[in-house]
Protein backbone atom coordinates (compact mmCIF):
# COMPACT_ATOMS: atom_id res chain seq x y z
CA MET A 1 124.35 113.63 104.05
CA ILE A 2 120.68 114.04 103.67
CA LYS A 3 119.43 114.92 106.71
CA ASP A 4 121.99 117.75 106.36
CA PHE A 5 120.73 119.46 103.79
CA TYR A 6 117.24 119.44 105.35
CA ASN A 7 118.63 120.50 108.04
CA GLU A 8 119.93 123.65 106.31
CA LEU A 9 117.14 123.47 104.35
CA LYS A 10 114.81 123.59 107.52
CA ASP A 11 117.32 126.24 109.51
CA LEU A 12 117.15 129.00 106.19
CA ARG A 13 113.23 129.38 106.18
CA ASN A 14 113.35 129.78 109.95
CA ARG A 15 115.39 132.60 109.50
CA PHE A 16 113.65 134.12 106.87
CA ASN A 17 110.38 133.92 108.46
CA GLU A 18 112.85 135.42 111.25
CA ALA A 19 114.07 137.91 109.13
CA ALA A 20 113.36 141.72 109.59
CA THR A 21 114.63 143.72 106.70
CA GLU A 22 114.22 142.95 102.42
CA LYS A 23 118.24 142.77 102.36
CA GLU A 24 118.29 139.86 104.87
CA LYS A 25 115.22 138.10 102.79
CA ASN A 26 117.13 138.73 99.86
CA GLN A 27 120.28 137.33 100.83
CA LEU A 28 118.76 134.56 102.55
CA LYS A 29 116.73 133.22 99.08
CA ALA A 30 120.57 133.14 97.51
CA GLU A 31 121.24 130.86 100.32
CA TYR A 32 118.66 128.63 98.99
CA LYS A 33 119.42 128.82 95.76
CA ASP A 34 123.35 127.39 96.60
CA LEU A 35 121.45 125.03 98.55
CA ASP A 36 119.21 123.68 95.61
CA ALA A 37 121.86 124.00 93.31
CA ARG A 38 124.49 121.29 95.93
CA ILE A 39 121.76 119.54 95.83
CA LYS A 40 120.75 119.66 91.90
CA GLU A 41 124.27 119.14 91.27
CA ARG A 42 124.60 115.70 93.28
CA GLY A 43 121.86 114.07 90.31
CA GLU A 44 118.45 114.27 89.29
CA GLY A 45 117.90 110.99 91.01
CA PHE A 46 119.15 112.53 94.92
CA ALA A 47 117.18 116.07 93.91
CA TRP A 48 114.16 113.38 93.39
CA VAL A 49 115.30 111.49 97.21
CA PHE A 50 115.69 114.84 98.97
CA SER A 51 111.91 116.32 97.65
CA LEU A 52 110.66 112.85 98.96
CA TYR A 53 112.88 113.02 102.12
CA GLU A 54 110.73 116.42 102.49
CA THR A 55 107.59 115.79 102.67
CA SER A 56 108.17 112.81 104.51
CA GLN A 57 109.69 114.82 107.46
CA GLU A 58 107.34 117.88 107.45
CA ARG A 59 104.13 114.57 107.43
CA GLU A 60 106.07 113.44 110.38
CA ASN A 61 106.92 109.95 109.14
CA SER A 62 109.91 108.40 110.59
CA ARG A 63 111.01 106.85 107.20
CA LEU A 64 111.89 108.58 103.36
CA ASP A 65 108.40 107.79 102.09
CA ILE A 66 107.54 106.88 98.34
CA ASP A 67 103.84 107.67 98.34
CA GLU A 68 100.68 109.46 95.84
CA ASN A 69 103.68 109.96 93.11
CA CYS A 70 103.25 107.85 90.33
CA ILE A 71 106.84 106.72 89.42
CA TRP A 72 107.47 105.35 85.82
CA GLU A 73 109.26 102.21 84.87
CA LYS A 74 111.54 104.23 83.22
CA ASP A 75 112.34 106.50 85.80
CA ILE A 76 112.65 103.72 88.88
CA PRO A 77 116.65 103.17 88.00
CA MET A 78 117.36 107.18 88.77
CA LEU A 79 115.33 106.57 91.26
CA LEU A 80 117.20 103.31 93.18
CA LYS A 81 120.28 104.83 92.27
CA GLY A 82 118.99 108.92 93.83
CA LEU A 83 117.91 106.37 97.40
CA GLU A 84 121.92 104.83 97.36
CA ASP A 85 123.57 107.60 96.70
CA ALA A 86 121.13 109.64 100.14
CA GLY A 87 122.24 106.30 101.83
CA ILE A 88 118.57 105.29 102.43
CA LYS A 89 118.26 102.19 103.70
CA GLU A 90 115.08 101.89 104.78
CA PHE A 91 111.67 103.63 103.04
CA THR A 92 108.22 103.48 102.73
CA PHE A 93 105.86 103.09 99.70
CA SER A 94 102.01 103.66 100.31
CA SER A 95 101.53 104.65 96.91
CA ARG A 96 98.21 103.64 95.47
CA TRP A 97 98.61 103.82 91.46
CA SER A 98 97.44 100.74 89.48
CA SER A 99 100.94 100.18 88.40
CA ALA A 100 102.26 100.31 92.19
CA ASN A 101 102.94 96.41 92.45
CA GLU A 102 104.92 96.25 89.51
CA THR A 103 106.87 99.33 90.89
CA ALA A 104 106.92 97.42 94.32
CA PHE A 105 108.71 94.14 92.18
CA GLU A 106 111.31 95.94 90.26
CA PHE A 107 112.21 97.37 93.96
CA CYS A 108 112.96 94.18 94.64
CA LYS A 109 114.71 93.09 92.16
CA ALA A 110 116.81 95.35 92.48
CA GLY A 111 117.65 94.18 96.13
CA TRP A 112 115.32 95.87 98.26
CA LYS A 113 112.64 92.96 100.79
CA VAL A 114 109.36 94.38 102.20
CA THR A 115 109.69 93.66 105.57
CA GLY A 116 106.70 94.57 106.87
CA MET A 117 103.84 97.10 106.72
CA THR A 118 102.98 100.45 108.67
CA LEU A 119 100.64 103.40 108.66
CA VAL A 120 102.39 106.53 107.27
CA ASN A 121 101.06 110.36 107.98
CA THR A 122 99.49 111.45 104.23
CA TYR A 123 98.43 115.03 104.89
CA LYS A 124 96.79 117.17 107.86
CA LYS A 125 93.51 117.04 108.57
CA ALA A 126 91.11 119.67 108.55
CA PHE A 127 89.64 120.65 111.00
CA GLU A 128 91.13 117.79 113.23
CA GLU A 129 94.24 117.12 115.06
CA GLY A 130 96.63 115.04 113.61
CA TYR A 131 97.36 113.37 109.71
CA ALA A 132 95.64 111.54 107.49
CA GLN A 133 97.46 107.54 107.39
CA GLU A 134 97.23 105.12 104.56
CA PRO A 135 99.12 101.80 104.85
CA ALA A 136 102.17 101.47 103.46
CA TYR A 137 105.14 98.18 102.91
CA ILE A 138 108.48 99.13 104.53
CA PHE A 139 111.34 98.00 101.98
CA THR A 140 114.68 97.69 103.72
CA ARG A 141 117.88 97.28 101.51
CA GLY A 142 118.39 93.28 101.49
C-alpha cells in the first residue's frame, strides 16, 4: 500500500516535470492534492510513516528509516500504529537525539526487536558522489 502511494507520487512528479502547459501543471497539482488527501485520510500516523518512507526512498535506503527527527514519547503510539497500518515489518532507527535510547526501548516494549545494525544514507555529499552515512539499528516486528 505505502509503496503504491509512493510510486503514484513519483509518477506525478515525473509528469509534472515533463508538463508543457500551465493547464497540465494545474491538473497534476490537483492530482497531487487528491493523493495527499488520500494519504492523510488513512490517519496521522500513516501520513507520518509515508513521509519517512518517501525520505528513505529518496536517500536510496532499502528500509524505512526513522532518522534525525525527534520523537516525543506521546507520539510513539501514533508512529507505531502508522507502521502497522502501512504494513512495515522492518525499519531502521538512526536518531541521535538524547532520548533515542528511550524511544528504542518503547519500540521493544511494543513488540519490535533489534535484529542488527547497518549504515543508512543520510544526505548527498556536497561535491562528491554518494551519501553520507550513519549507523542505525534494524528493528523487526517480533
